[in-house]
Amino acid sequence: MSKTKTPTTDQPRRWATLQQVADHLNVTTRTVRAMVADGRLRGYRNGRKLIRIDLNEVDAAMRPMGGAR
């Protein structure tokens, strides 16, 4: 059985709940939902309610700003 790979990397997907992503980014779950709704993050649905987000994609979405460039 092969593991699903993240499109942006060769790493296996690291599935996380909305709460886990919110903790990872130090924001609220409401903010994570807004980020999925406006396209900044990609959410994956399994069934009607279960939503998971790949932490590799969350990390890849982060962009440096200011002096860090």
Protein backbone atom coordinates (compact mmCIF):
# COMPACT_ATOMS: atom_id res chain seq x y z
CA MET A 1 0.00 0.00 0.00
CA SER A 2 1.59 3.28 -1.09
CA LYS A 3 1.16 6.46 0.90
CA THR A 4 -0.38 9.49 -0.76
CA LYS A 5 2.21 12.18 -1.44
CA THR A 6 1.72 15.90 -1.09
CA PRO A 7 1.63 17.57 -4.54
CA THR A 8 4.20 20.18 -3.49
CA THR A 9 6.72 17.75 -1.94
CA ASP A 10 7.73 14.11 -1.89
CA GLN A 11 6.68 13.80 1.74
CA PRO A 12 3.75 11.70 2.93
CA ARG A 13 0.69 13.74 3.80
CA ARG A 14 0.32 14.84 7.42
CA TRP A 15 -3.46 15.03 7.89
CA ALA A 16 -4.67 17.39 10.61
CA THR A 17 -8.01 18.52 12.02
CA LEU A 18 -9.08 22.16 11.91
CA GLN A 19 -8.13 22.49 15.59
CA GLN A 20 -4.68 21.02 15.00
CA VAL A 21 -4.08 23.43 12.10
CA ALA A 22 -5.30 26.34 14.22
CA ASP A 23 -2.87 25.34 16.99
CA HIS A 24 -0.07 24.94 14.41
CA LEU A 25 -0.66 28.48 13.10
CA ASN A 26 -1.61 29.95 16.50
CA VAL A 27 -4.99 31.17 15.18
CA THR A 28 -8.62 30.19 15.78
CA THR A 29 -10.53 27.47 13.92
CA ARG A 30 -12.70 30.26 12.52
CA THR A 31 -9.61 31.76 10.88
CA VAL A 32 -8.64 28.36 9.45
CA ARG A 33 -12.15 27.95 8.00
CA ALA A 34 -11.88 31.43 6.45
CA MET A 35 -8.49 30.52 4.95
CA VAL A 36 -10.02 27.41 3.37
CA ALA A 37 -13.03 29.39 2.12
CA ASP A 38 -10.92 32.06 0.42
CA GLY A 39 -8.48 29.57 -1.09
CA ARG A 40 -5.36 30.23 0.99
CA LEU A 41 -5.52 26.63 2.29
CA ARG A 42 -6.95 23.51 0.70
CA GLY A 43 -9.33 21.44 2.79
CA TYR A 44 -10.20 17.83 2.04
CA ARG A 45 -13.64 16.51 2.90
CA ASN A 46 -14.46 12.89 3.69
CA GLY A 47 -18.20 12.59 4.14
CA ARG A 48 -20.41 15.49 5.10
CA LYS A 49 -18.58 16.78 8.15
CA LEU A 50 -15.06 15.39 8.30
CA ILE A 51 -12.53 17.96 7.07
CA ARG A 52 -8.78 17.45 7.07
CA ILE A 53 -5.93 19.68 5.98
CA ASP A 54 -2.43 18.58 5.00
CA LEU A 55 0.11 20.27 7.29
CA ASN A 56 2.71 20.06 4.50
CA GLU A 57 0.46 22.30 2.38
CA VAL A 58 -0.01 24.67 5.34
CA ASP A 59 3.76 24.99 5.72
CA ALA A 60 4.20 25.45 1.94
CA ALA A 61 1.59 28.25 1.93
CA MET A 62 3.64 30.34 4.35
CA ARG A 63 5.49 33.19 2.63
CA PRO A 64 8.34 35.26 4.07
CA MET A 65 7.76 38.96 4.52
CA GLY A 66 9.69 42.02 5.55
CA GLY A 67 13.36 41.57 6.44
CA ALA A 68 13.13 37.77 6.25
CA ARG A 69 13.13 37.86 2.47
